[in-house]
Amino acid sequence: MIDDDIVVEVRGVHYAIGTHAIFKGLNMRVRRGAITAVMGPSGTGKTTLLRLIMGQSVAQRGHVTVFGKEVAGLERRELYKLRQRVGLLFQNGALLTDLSVFENVAFPLREHTDLPEPVLRELVLMKLQTVGLRGAAELMPAELSGGMARRVALARAIVMDPEMLIYDEPFVGLDPISKGVIVRLIQSLNRLLGTTSIVVSHDVREISAIADDSYLLAEGKVMAEGSPAELCKEQTESVRQFMSGTPDGPVPFHYPAPDYFEQLLARPDA
């Protein structure tokens, strides 16, 4: 039975690259209309989760359901249709450097619709107005600051009026003011457009201010889930370490490796 309130469901997902296990029975749900935060230390598979949701990767075991459909079972044409229902803000913005701001935002419309130019122009300017950059329409990406480029990328992500928006590390490399602007835009767009939002981030302070639901990933599973306030009250040592940003704790500094001295003393040809 399909729950209409659930847009994305991940059940018992196991995923590995070679012998390196990334997920070991991952479970999570994304509620319709909510802002869902996916957090965790670097290397815990946050971006990999997005690839599974968008069908770029397929789990070895388990199920990933988006809009009530099993992603792994979709044919290419069906998968492309599903992706058109989703707007994605890439980690680095991923603007096309040879196109103006206007043409970057217009790109999805030109690729997927046959709108007449006056209508297309109106839609692009509306989305640029939404992110506060209508006046920058004729600028090139090289002329933008990091925060401005991220906002242009967000305008492009919403130009097709998607049902769900996915933000991959939207705060990386931004100054405090730009972070505040992006936080406000995520919250306002979710409310005004009625979209469902997934925000992948390790910026606890920013995402905790706007998230309805939060999932903390570690060791291939969901270590904790709930509202940001509930996670902050969590007594598990690994959860407290991440939420407080403490360097010492269960999450190790070193990636797993052989004994240091044995490796130093080993002969290269051994």
C-alpha atoms as a PDB file:
ATOM      1  CA  MET A   1       0.000   0.000   0.000  1.00  0.00           C
ATOM      2  CA  ILE A   2       1.366   3.414  -1.016  1.00  0.00           C
ATOM      3  CA  ASP A   3       1.407   6.160   1.610  1.00  0.00           C
ATOM      4  CA  ASP A   4       0.595   9.411  -0.221  1.00  0.00           C
ATOM      5  CA  ASP A   5       2.256  11.398   2.560  1.00  0.00           C
ATOM      6  CA  ILE A   6       5.630   9.776   1.826  1.00  0.00           C
ATOM      7  CA  VAL A   7       7.521  11.063  -1.215  1.00  0.00           C
ATOM      8  CA  VAL A   8      10.750   9.085  -0.743  1.00  0.00           C
ATOM      9  CA  GLU A   9      11.153   5.820   1.130  1.00  0.00           C
ATOM     10  CA  VAL A  10      14.441   3.984   1.619  1.00  0.00           C
ATOM     11  CA  ARG A  11      14.024   0.493   3.107  1.00  0.00           C
ATOM     12  CA  GLY A  12      16.778  -1.908   4.105  1.00  0.00           C
ATOM     13  CA  VAL A  13      19.247  -0.524   1.567  1.00  0.00           C
ATOM     14  CA  HIS A  14      22.668  -2.122   1.294  1.00  0.00           C
ATOM     15  CA  TYR A  15      25.172  -0.510  -1.049  1.00  0.00           C
ATOM     16  CA  ALA A  16      28.902  -1.084  -1.463  1.00  0.00           C
ATOM     17  CA  ILE A  17      31.651  -0.005  -3.827  1.00  0.00           C
ATOM     18  CA  GLY A  18      33.930  -2.970  -4.193  1.00  0.00           C
ATOM     19  CA  THR A  19      34.571  -4.281  -0.697  1.00  0.00           C
ATOM     20  CA  HIS A  20      33.774  -0.940   0.930  1.00  0.00           C
ATOM     21  CA  ALA A  21      30.270  -1.017   2.412  1.00  0.00           C
ATOM     22  CA  ILE A  22      28.602   2.400   2.398  1.00  0.00           C
ATOM     23  CA  PHE A  23      25.092   1.440   3.550  1.00  0.00           C
ATOM     24  CA  LYS A  24      24.242  -1.562   5.716  1.00  0.00           C
ATOM     25  CA  GLY A  25      20.478  -1.579   5.969  1.00  0.00           C
ATOM     26  CA  LEU A  26      19.602   2.107   5.600  1.00  0.00           C
ATOM     27  CA  ASN A  27      16.026   3.162   6.370  1.00  0.00           C
ATOM     28  CA  MET A  28      14.513   6.639   6.032  1.00  0.00           C
ATOM     29  CA  ARG A  29      11.398   8.464   4.856  1.00  0.00           C
ATOM     30  CA  VAL A  30      10.799  11.908   3.369  1.00  0.00           C
ATOM     31  CA  ARG A  31       7.383  13.411   4.124  1.00  0.00           C
ATOM     32  CA  ARG A  32       5.484  15.413   1.537  1.00  0.00           C
ATOM     33  CA  GLY A  33       5.869  19.169   2.075  1.00  0.00           C
ATOM     34  CA  ALA A  34       8.552  18.793   4.730  1.00  0.00           C
ATOM     35  CA  ILE A  35      12.181  19.892   4.806  1.00  0.00           C
ATOM     36  CA  THR A  36      14.201  16.776   5.555  1.00  0.00           C
ATOM     37  CA  ALA A  37      17.831  17.150   6.599  1.00  0.00           C
ATOM     38  CA  VAL A  38      20.343  14.397   5.899  1.00  0.00           C
ATOM     39  CA  MET A  39      23.446  14.930   7.998  1.00  0.00           C
ATOM     40  CA  GLY A  40      26.595  13.045   8.886  1.00  0.00           C
ATOM     41  CA  PRO A  41      30.382  13.223   8.879  1.00  0.00           C
ATOM     42  CA  SER A  42      32.220  13.327   5.558  1.00  0.00           C
ATOM     43  CA  GLY A  43      32.326   9.974   3.816  1.00  0.00           C
ATOM     44  CA  THR A  44      29.119   8.571   5.307  1.00  0.00           C
ATOM     45  CA  GLY A  45      27.347   8.332   1.946  1.00  0.00           C
ATOM     46  CA  LYS A  46      25.140  11.433   1.912  1.00  0.00           C
ATOM     47  CA  THR A  47      25.739  12.198  -1.768  1.00  0.00           C
ATOM     48  CA  THR A  48      25.563   8.465  -2.559  1.00  0.00           C
ATOM     49  CA  LEU A  49      22.069   8.465  -1.062  1.00  0.00           C
ATOM     50  CA  LEU A  50      21.047  11.176  -3.536  1.00  0.00           C
ATOM     51  CA  ARG A  51      22.422   9.101  -6.402  1.00  0.00           C
ATOM     52  CA  LEU A  52      20.277   6.165  -5.264  1.00  0.00           C
ATOM     53  CA  ILE A  53      17.183   8.372  -5.015  1.00  0.00           C
ATOM     54  CA  MET A  54      17.751   9.757  -8.520  1.00  0.00           C
ATOM     55  CA  GLY A  55      18.505   6.362 -10.034  1.00  0.00           C
ATOM     56  CA  GLN A  56      22.127   7.095 -10.902  1.00  0.00           C
ATOM     57  CA  SER A  57      23.151   4.161  -8.715  1.00  0.00           C
ATOM     58  CA  VAL A  58      21.272   0.999  -7.758  1.00  0.00           C
ATOM     59  CA  ALA A  59      21.335  -0.643  -4.341  1.00  0.00           C
ATOM     60  CA  GLN A  60      22.564  -4.223  -4.107  1.00  0.00           C
ATOM     61  CA  ARG A  61      19.759  -4.962  -1.626  1.00  0.00           C
ATOM     62  CA  GLY A  62      16.722  -3.096  -0.371  1.00  0.00           C
ATOM     63  CA  HIS A  63      14.254  -0.685  -1.922  1.00  0.00           C
ATOM     64  CA  VAL A  64      14.292   2.983  -2.920  1.00  0.00           C
ATOM     65  CA  THR A  65      10.843   4.354  -3.732  1.00  0.00           C
ATOM     66  CA  VAL A  66      10.236   7.865  -5.110  1.00  0.00           C
ATOM     67  CA  PHE A  67       6.718   9.182  -5.794  1.00  0.00           C
ATOM     68  CA  GLY A  68       5.452   5.676  -5.099  1.00  0.00           C
ATOM     69  CA  LYS A  69       7.656   4.032  -7.749  1.00  0.00           C
ATOM     70  CA  GLU A  70      10.556   1.632  -7.245  1.00  0.00           C
ATOM     71  CA  VAL A  71      13.459   3.541  -8.808  1.00  0.00           C
ATOM     72  CA  ALA A  72      15.525   0.454  -9.645  1.00  0.00           C
ATOM     73  CA  GLY A  73      12.670  -1.010 -11.720  1.00  0.00           C
ATOM     74  CA  LEU A  74      12.080   2.015 -13.923  1.00  0.00           C
ATOM     75  CA  GLU A  75      12.933   1.984 -17.606  1.00  0.00           C
ATOM     76  CA  ARG A  76      15.085   4.839 -18.889  1.00  0.00           C
ATOM     77  CA  ARG A  77      12.153   6.856 -20.220  1.00  0.00           C
ATOM     78  CA  GLU A  78      10.263   6.500 -16.913  1.00  0.00           C
ATOM     79  CA  LEU A  79      13.376   7.438 -14.953  1.00  0.00           C
ATOM     80  CA  TYR A  80      13.817  10.614 -17.009  1.00  0.00           C
ATOM     81  CA  LYS A  81      10.174  11.538 -16.366  1.00  0.00           C
ATOM     82  CA  LEU A  82      10.705  11.052 -12.646  1.00  0.00           C
ATOM     83  CA  ARG A  83      13.799  13.250 -12.701  1.00  0.00           C
ATOM     84  CA  GLN A  84      11.818  16.035 -14.363  1.00  0.00           C
ATOM     85  CA  ARG A  85       9.692  16.147 -11.209  1.00  0.00           C
ATOM     86  CA  VAL A  86      12.783  16.900  -9.134  1.00  0.00           C
ATOM     87  CA  GLY A  87      14.938  20.027  -8.942  1.00  0.00           C
ATOM     88  CA  LEU A  88      18.567  19.525  -7.910  1.00  0.00           C
ATOM     89  CA  LEU A  89      20.921  22.135  -6.538  1.00  0.00           C
ATOM     90  CA  PHE A  90      24.399  20.742  -7.148  1.00  0.00           C
ATOM     91  CA  GLN A  91      27.100  21.094  -4.511  1.00  0.00           C
ATOM     92  CA  ASN A  92      29.154  23.519  -6.613  1.00  0.00           C
ATOM     93  CA  GLY A  93      26.252  25.152  -8.433  1.00  0.00           C
ATOM     94  CA  ALA A  94      27.382  23.638 -11.758  1.00  0.00           C
ATOM     95  CA  LEU A  95      26.514  26.684 -13.861  1.00  0.00           C
ATOM     96  CA  LEU A  96      27.320  26.504 -17.567  1.00  0.00           C
ATOM     97  CA  THR A  97      30.226  28.919 -17.850  1.00  0.00           C
ATOM     98  CA  ASP A  98      29.590  29.977 -21.454  1.00  0.00           C
ATOM     99  CA  LEU A  99      25.957  30.920 -20.870  1.00  0.00           C
ATOM    100  CA  SER A 100      24.599  34.036 -19.203  1.00  0.00           C
ATOM    101  CA  VAL A 101      22.632  33.908 -15.974  1.00  0.00           C
ATOM    102  CA  PHE A 102      19.398  34.164 -17.973  1.00  0.00           C
ATOM    103  CA  GLU A 103      20.361  31.312 -20.304  1.00  0.00           C
ATOM    104  CA  ASN A 104      21.524  29.108 -17.419  1.00  0.00           C
ATOM    105  CA  VAL A 105      18.079  29.380 -15.834  1.00  0.00           C
ATOM    106  CA  ALA A 106      16.347  28.993 -19.201  1.00  0.00           C
ATOM    107  CA  PHE A 107      18.328  25.859 -20.089  1.00  0.00           C
ATOM    108  CA  PRO A 108      15.890  23.253 -18.627  1.00  0.00           C
ATOM    109  CA  LEU A 109      12.943  24.983 -20.291  1.00  0.00           C
ATOM    110  CA  ARG A 110      14.662  24.991 -23.675  1.00  0.00           C
ATOM    111  CA  GLU A 111      15.568  21.303 -23.288  1.00  0.00           C
ATOM    112  CA  HIS A 112      12.238  19.962 -22.049  1.00  0.00           C
ATOM    113  CA  THR A 113       9.530  22.321 -23.340  1.00  0.00           C
ATOM    114  CA  ASP A 114       8.421  24.111 -26.501  1.00  0.00           C
ATOM    115  CA  LEU A 115       7.368  27.312 -24.789  1.00  0.00           C
ATOM    116  CA  PRO A 116       7.230  30.448 -26.932  1.00  0.00           C
ATOM    117  CA  GLU A 117      10.036  32.888 -26.178  1.00  0.00           C
ATOM    118  CA  PRO A 118       7.864  35.536 -24.418  1.00  0.00           C
ATOM    119  CA  VAL A 119       6.512  32.927 -21.983  1.00  0.00           C
ATOM    120  CA  LEU A 120       9.973  31.460 -21.395  1.00  0.00           C
ATOM    121  CA  ARG A 121      11.371  34.932 -20.718  1.00  0.00           C
ATOM    122  CA  GLU A 122       8.625  35.661 -18.214  1.00  0.00           C
ATOM    123  CA  LEU A 123       9.210  32.387 -16.356  1.00  0.00           C
ATOM    124  CA  VAL A 124      12.979  32.905 -16.151  1.00  0.00           C
ATOM    125  CA  LEU A 125      12.629  36.459 -14.878  1.00  0.00           C
ATOM    126  CA  MET A 126      10.068  35.293 -12.296  1.00  0.00           C
ATOM    127  CA  LYS A 127      12.473  32.683 -10.914  1.00  0.00           C
ATOM    128  CA  LEU A 128      15.369  35.150 -10.878  1.00  0.00           C
ATOM    129  CA  GLN A 129      13.132  37.598  -9.023  1.00  0.00           C
ATOM    130  CA  THR A 130      12.380  34.863  -6.484  1.00  0.00           C
ATOM    131  CA  VAL A 131      16.092  34.484  -5.650  1.00  0.00           C
ATOM    132  CA  GLY A 132      16.719  38.247  -5.818  1.00  0.00           C
ATOM    133  CA  LEU A 133      18.841  38.236  -8.979  1.00  0.00           C
ATOM    134  CA  ARG A 134      16.599  39.532 -11.762  1.00  0.00           C
ATOM    135  CA  GLY A 135      19.033  42.423 -12.194  1.00  0.00           C
ATOM    136  CA  ALA A 136      21.889  39.978 -12.855  1.00  0.00           C
ATOM    137  CA  ALA A 137      20.179  38.252 -15.791  1.00  0.00           C
ATOM    138  CA  GLU A 138      22.774  39.354 -18.368  1.00  0.00           C
ATOM    139  CA  LEU A 139      25.847  38.643 -16.248  1.00  0.00           C
ATOM    140  CA  MET A 140      28.139  35.673 -16.918  1.00  0.00           C
ATOM    141  CA  PRO A 141      28.928  33.084 -14.224  1.00  0.00           C
ATOM    142  CA  ALA A 142      32.506  34.395 -13.918  1.00  0.00           C
ATOM    143  CA  GLU A 143      31.077  37.756 -12.821  1.00  0.00           C
ATOM    144  CA  LEU A 144      29.144  36.254  -9.887  1.00  0.00           C
ATOM    145  CA  SER A 145      30.156  35.775  -6.287  1.00  0.00           C
ATOM    146  CA  GLY A 146      29.881  32.296  -4.771  1.00  0.00           C
ATOM    147  CA  GLY A 147      26.609  33.135  -3.070  1.00  0.00           C
ATOM    148  CA  MET A 148      25.134  34.658  -6.220  1.00  0.00           C
ATOM    149  CA  ALA A 149      26.131  31.633  -8.296  1.00  0.00           C
ATOM    150  CA  ARG A 150      24.407  29.337  -5.791  1.00  0.00           C
ATOM    151  CA  ARG A 151      21.235  31.431  -6.031  1.00  0.00           C
ATOM    152  CA  VAL A 152      21.290  31.326  -9.855  1.00  0.00           C
ATOM    153  CA  ALA A 153      21.638  27.545  -9.633  1.00  0.00           C
ATOM    154  CA  LEU A 154      18.650  27.496  -7.291  1.00  0.00           C
ATOM    155  CA  ALA A 155      16.601  29.541  -9.767  1.00  0.00           C
ATOM    156  CA  ARG A 156      17.482  26.980 -12.439  1.00  0.00           C
ATOM    157  CA  ALA A 157      16.483  24.139 -10.100  1.00  0.00           C
ATOM    158  CA  ILE A 158      12.984  25.603  -9.576  1.00  0.00           C
ATOM    159  CA  VAL A 159      12.299  26.873 -13.100  1.00  0.00           C
ATOM    160  CA  MET A 160      10.331  23.711 -14.003  1.00  0.00           C
ATOM    161  CA  ASP A 161       8.241  23.978 -10.804  1.00  0.00           C
ATOM    162  CA  PRO A 162       9.434  20.629  -9.412  1.00  0.00           C
ATOM    163  CA  GLU A 163       7.512  18.675  -6.805  1.00  0.00           C
ATOM    164  CA  MET A 164      10.690  17.968  -4.868  1.00  0.00           C
ATOM    165  CA  LEU A 165      13.900  19.945  -4.406  1.00  0.00           C
ATOM    166  CA  ILE A 166      17.203  18.325  -3.474  1.00  0.00           C
ATOM    167  CA  TYR A 167      20.040  20.433  -2.104  1.00  0.00           C
ATOM    168  CA  ASP A 168      23.503  18.832  -2.042  1.00  0.00           C
ATOM    169  CA  GLU A 169      25.651  20.715   0.507  1.00  0.00           C
ATOM    170  CA  PRO A 170      24.114  24.130  -0.288  1.00  0.00           C
ATOM    171  CA  PHE A 171      26.184  26.004   2.331  1.00  0.00           C
ATOM    172  CA  VAL A 172      29.688  24.851   1.369  1.00  0.00           C
ATOM    173  CA  GLY A 173      32.137  27.682   0.720  1.00  0.00           C
ATOM    174  CA  LEU A 174      29.675  30.475   1.517  1.00  0.00           C
ATOM    175  CA  ASP A 175      30.214  33.410   3.862  1.00  0.00           C
ATOM    176  CA  PRO A 176      27.802  33.820   6.821  1.00  0.00           C
ATOM    177  CA  ILE A 177      25.584  36.325   4.987  1.00  0.00           C
ATOM    178  CA  SER A 178      25.275  34.116   1.896  1.00  0.00           C
ATOM    179  CA  LYS A 179      24.510  31.132   4.118  1.00  0.00           C
ATOM    180  CA  GLY A 180      21.720  33.098   5.747  1.00  0.00           C
ATOM    181  CA  VAL A 181      20.292  34.020   2.343  1.00  0.00           C
ATOM    182  CA  ILE A 182      20.289  30.381   1.175  1.00  0.00           C
ATOM    183  CA  VAL A 183      18.695  29.216   4.444  1.00  0.00           C
ATOM    184  CA  ARG A 184      15.910  31.776   4.012  1.00  0.00           C
ATOM    185  CA  LEU A 185      15.392  30.798   0.368  1.00  0.00           C
ATOM    186  CA  ILE A 186      15.142  27.081   1.171  1.00  0.00           C
ATOM    187  CA  GLN A 187      12.536  27.785   3.816  1.00  0.00           C
ATOM    188  CA  SER A 188      10.527  30.301   1.773  1.00  0.00           C
ATOM    189  CA  LEU A 189      10.549  28.209  -1.410  1.00  0.00           C
ATOM    190  CA  ASN A 190       9.384  25.157   0.498  1.00  0.00           C
ATOM    191  CA  ARG A 191       6.480  27.163   1.918  1.00  0.00           C
ATOM    192  CA  LEU A 192       5.536  29.243  -1.139  1.00  0.00           C
ATOM    193  CA  LEU A 193       5.887  26.519  -3.780  1.00  0.00           C
ATOM    194  CA  GLY A 194       4.598  23.681  -1.593  1.00  0.00           C
ATOM    195  CA  THR A 195       7.573  21.520  -2.486  1.00  0.00           C
ATOM    196  CA  THR A 196       9.186  18.673  -0.593  1.00  0.00           C
ATOM    197  CA  SER A 197      12.838  19.374   0.219  1.00  0.00           C
ATOM    198  CA  ILE A 198      15.821  17.154   0.985  1.00  0.00           C
ATOM    199  CA  VAL A 199      18.856  19.043   2.255  1.00  0.00           C
ATOM    200  CA  VAL A 200      22.149  17.183   2.510  1.00  0.00           C
ATOM    201  CA  SER A 201      24.503  19.084   4.769  1.00  0.00           C
ATOM    202  CA  HIS A 202      26.973  18.859   7.644  1.00  0.00           C
ATOM    203  CA  ASP A 203      26.292  22.466   8.684  1.00  0.00           C
ATOM    204  CA  VAL A 204      24.348  21.673  11.843  1.00  0.00           C
ATOM    205  CA  ARG A 205      23.509  25.241  12.799  1.00  0.00           C
ATOM    206  CA  GLU A 206      22.080  26.295   9.434  1.00  0.00           C
ATOM    207  CA  ILE A 207      20.054  23.187   8.701  1.00  0.00           C
ATOM    208  CA  SER A 208      18.737  22.852  12.254  1.00  0.00           C
ATOM    209  CA  ALA A 209      17.089  26.264  11.893  1.00  0.00           C
ATOM    210  CA  ILE A 210      14.753  25.103   9.108  1.00  0.00           C
ATOM    211  CA  ALA A 211      14.495  21.282   9.065  1.00  0.00           C
ATOM    212  CA  ASP A 212      11.267  19.521  10.000  1.00  0.00           C
ATOM    213  CA  ASP A 213      12.872  16.075  10.111  1.00  0.00           C
ATOM    214  CA  SER A 214      16.539  15.136  10.477  1.00  0.00           C
ATOM    215  CA  TYR A 215      18.498  11.961   9.825  1.00  0.00           C
ATOM    216  CA  LEU A 216      22.060  11.489  11.033  1.00  0.00           C
ATOM    217  CA  LEU A 217      23.985   8.889   9.013  1.00  0.00           C
ATOM    218  CA  ALA A 218      26.957   6.965  10.384  1.00  0.00           C
ATOM    219  CA  GLU A 219      28.417   3.489   9.989  1.00  0.00           C
ATOM    220  CA  GLY A 220      26.142   2.705   7.062  1.00  0.00           C
ATOM    221  CA  LYS A 221      22.871   3.312   8.901  1.00  0.00           C
ATOM    222  CA  VAL A 222      20.691   6.005  10.439  1.00  0.00           C
ATOM    223  CA  MET A 223      22.370   6.716  13.752  1.00  0.00           C
ATOM    224  CA  ALA A 224      19.571   9.038  14.922  1.00  0.00           C
ATOM    225  CA  GLU A 225      16.400  10.605  13.568  1.00  0.00           C
ATOM    226  CA  GLY A 226      13.853  13.178  14.649  1.00  0.00           C
ATOM    227  CA  SER A 227      13.530  16.933  14.805  1.00  0.00           C
ATOM    228  CA  PRO A 228      16.775  18.952  15.107  1.00  0.00           C
ATOM    229  CA  ALA A 229      15.856  19.697  18.738  1.00  0.00           C
ATOM    230  CA  GLU A 230      15.480  15.976  19.457  1.00  0.00           C
ATOM    231  CA  LEU A 231      18.864  15.218  17.917  1.00  0.00           C
ATOM    232  CA  CYS A 232      20.494  17.913  20.031  1.00  0.00           C
ATOM    233  CA  LYS A 233      19.117  16.197  23.138  1.00  0.00           C
ATOM    234  CA  GLU A 234      20.302  12.746  22.024  1.00  0.00           C
ATOM    235  CA  GLN A 235      22.566  11.107  24.591  1.00  0.00           C
ATOM    236  CA  THR A 236      24.372   8.718  22.236  1.00  0.00           C
ATOM    237  CA  GLU A 237      28.027   9.730  22.249  1.00  0.00           C
ATOM    238  CA  SER A 238      28.496   9.622  18.465  1.00  0.00           C
ATOM    239  CA  VAL A 239      25.384  11.773  17.918  1.00  0.00           C
ATOM    240  CA  ARG A 240      26.477  14.297  20.536  1.00  0.00           C
ATOM    241  CA  GLN A 241      29.941  14.446  18.960  1.00  0.00           C
ATOM    242  CA  PHE A 242      28.545  15.381  15.550  1.00  0.00           C
ATOM    243  CA  MET A 243      25.880  17.806  16.743  1.00  0.00           C
ATOM    244  CA  SER A 244      28.369  19.659  18.952  1.00  0.00           C
ATOM    245  CA  GLY A 245      31.295  19.461  16.500  1.00  0.00           C
ATOM    246  CA  THR A 246      33.636  17.881  19.047  1.00  0.00           C
ATOM    247  CA  PRO A 247      36.862  16.570  17.422  1.00  0.00           C
ATOM    248  CA  ASP A 248      37.335  13.727  19.900  1.00  0.00           C
ATOM    249  CA  GLY A 249      34.815  10.919  20.110  1.00  0.00           C
ATOM    250  CA  PRO A 250      33.592   7.717  18.427  1.00  0.00           C
ATOM    251  CA  VAL A 251      33.992   9.133  14.896  1.00  0.00           C
ATOM    252  CA  PRO A 252      37.700   8.538  14.206  1.00  0.00           C
ATOM    253  CA  PHE A 253      40.140  10.997  12.665  1.00  0.00           C
ATOM    254  CA  HIS A 254      42.025   8.270  10.757  1.00  0.00           C
ATOM    255  CA  TYR A 255      40.611   6.270   7.859  1.00  0.00           C
ATOM    256  CA  PRO A 256      41.014   2.497   8.540  1.00  0.00           C
ATOM    257  CA  ALA A 257      44.589   1.439   7.718  1.00  0.00           C
ATOM    258  CA  PRO A 258      47.165  -1.245   8.577  1.00  0.00           C
ATOM    259  CA  ASP A 259      49.380  -0.814  11.606  1.00  0.00           C
ATOM    260  CA  TYR A 260      51.378   2.381  11.070  1.00  0.00           C
ATOM    261  CA  PHE A 261      54.825   1.095  12.098  1.00  0.00           C
ATOM    262  CA  GLU A 262      54.424  -2.241  10.316  1.00  0.00           C
ATOM    263  CA  GLN A 263      53.534  -0.382   7.122  1.00  0.00           C
ATOM    264  CA  LEU A 264      56.521   1.959   7.460  1.00  0.00           C
ATOM    265  CA  LEU A 265      58.933  -0.917   8.029  1.00  0.00           C
ATOM    266  CA  ALA A 266      57.487  -3.198   5.348  1.00  0.00           C
ATOM    267  CA  ARG A 267      59.594  -3.751   2.251  1.00  0.00           C
ATOM    268  CA  PRO A 268      57.949  -2.327  -0.909  1.00  0.00           C
ATOM    269  CA  ASP A 269      58.402  -5.628  -2.782  1.00  0.00           C
ATOM    270  CA  ALA A 270      57.130  -7.768   0.106  1.00  0.00           C
END
